[in-house]
Structure formats: structure tokens, C-alpha cells
């Protein structure tokens, strides 16, 4: 029997893919920061509605958060924003491909932070699955880079590589902190725990990004409102994806969830191949097969 966290994670990956595709449509009208804000600004009201619906219609009691919850939620929310900033900064770097490739180490870093912060141990089979998937992700990343594997290996001390590692680490910290925040709420209602954590974190992130845009890019707030139709869909798909991520990470080890979440790459590959008729080289196909193999290892051998 398939455990609940598996289909929830697959749904999260699919919805995240959808959100990313919608955000691309906003890039012609908004800056990178403005397009990022839309995810939170148009998403947090829906996160609050989701929380209210669980309380009013499903009869689930609201948790009583404490200082531990607040600390983990705040650290996770800020870490996710900083991870995004690091990733976005790579786009202007001379060798951005190296940086974005190193950011893909997120799953391994999530596993390490999970062990350090929560004591979430990994089975040998799960660790093998994560490492095989990582090899696949790296293969996909270098497939169209002229420098290939040699360039990746020789550039690991460069600034883009270090920024990429920092981005992956910050995303790993965020994932583990979200799991820790949800678990700190106690009780048996993991759906409410995840929804409450999501609402609090999204509200915090919206406030932080609102303040930033107000000070640095005030015109982006007006532009995002003018693009409200697409922005609303970005917010809706984004908060739906986050609800699934938070729920899955409340149920299961965050490293397992993030590793399975790499199925998003498979969705992207299949869409590119069958829908957009994009041609893939041998290394990309090998990478996708490794990602799939790693996911199977994770599910069957953990």
C-alpha cells in the first residue's frame, strides 16, 4: 500500500511545476523579485482561507504555538527567502550554470540538517536513493554545458559554486525547519499542523517581501496588481504546492520528501519531449533514468 506522503509529494512537485510555468508568463511584466513576491503576496490569503476552512468546516482545532514553533517557522521562512535570493543572484553571474548545478545538492544538505536538527536518520537504501538521484540531477545540469563534468569539478571553489551551495543549504534548512515547526505543534492532526505552519510562514514571507519591494522596487507592487489575473493563478498553484510540501514533510522525513520531489524533473523532461518536441541528448536521458532509479531506491529500499 502506498503511504500517504508519496502521492502528496508527487502532487506538490506537479503543482510547483505548474507555478513555475505561470511565473514565466509574468517575467515580461515584472522583475525577478516582483514575480517572486506574487507567489507569496497572492498566496497568503488563500493559505489563510485553507486554514479557516479546516477549522470551520472540518472541525479541526487550531494549534497553540509556542516559542519553539515561532523560532523554527521564522528561521525556515527567512532561509527560504535568502535561498531564493542566492539562486536569483546566480542569473547575473558569469558562470551561473555551475552555481545552479551546485544548488541541486539541496537534497543531501536537507538530509544532513535533518540529522543535526531533528535526529532524522536515513536508512542505507534511502541514502543510496538520494545519492543516485543527485547524480542524475547533476547529469541533467551539465548535459548542455560545454565544460561538462570537468568544469563542474574544477569550479567548486568559485563564487558561483559557493553561492549555489549556500542556496541549496538554505533551502535544506528551510525544509527541516518547516518540519520541525509543524511537529512542535503536537497533536494527531498533521493536516492542521501543516496548514497552520504554512499560513504563518507565508504571512511572514509576504510581510518581508512587501517591506523590501516598498523600499527598493515600489513600482513592482503596482505592476503585480495590474497583472492580477495571472498573479492569482500563480498564488493559488504556489500555495497548493506549499500545502502539499508542508503536509508531506509533517508526515515524513524532509530529506525523503525533497528527494521524491525531484520527480518534478521527470515531469519537465516529459513535457519538453512530448509536448514541446524538444530533443534530448544522451546525458540528459541518462540523468532522468538515474533520477527515476534513485526515487525507486528511496521508495523500495528505505
Foldseek 3Di string as FASTA:
>chain_A
DDDPLLVLLVLLLVLVLVLVVLLVVCVVQFPPLLSVLLQLVLQLVVLVVVLVCCCPPVVDDAFDADPLLVVLLVLLLVLLVLLVVLLVVLVPPPCSLLLQLLLLCLLVLLQVVCCVPPVDDDDPLLVQLLVLLNVLSSLLSQVPPPCRPVVNVVCCPPPSNVSSNSSSNSNSSSLNSLLSSLVNRDDDPLLSSLSVSLSVSSVVNSVVSVVVCVPPPVVSVVSCVVVVVSSNSSNVSSSSSSSSSSSSSNVDRSSLSVLSSCCSVVVVVCCCCPVVVDDDDPSNVVSVVSSVVSNCSNRPVD
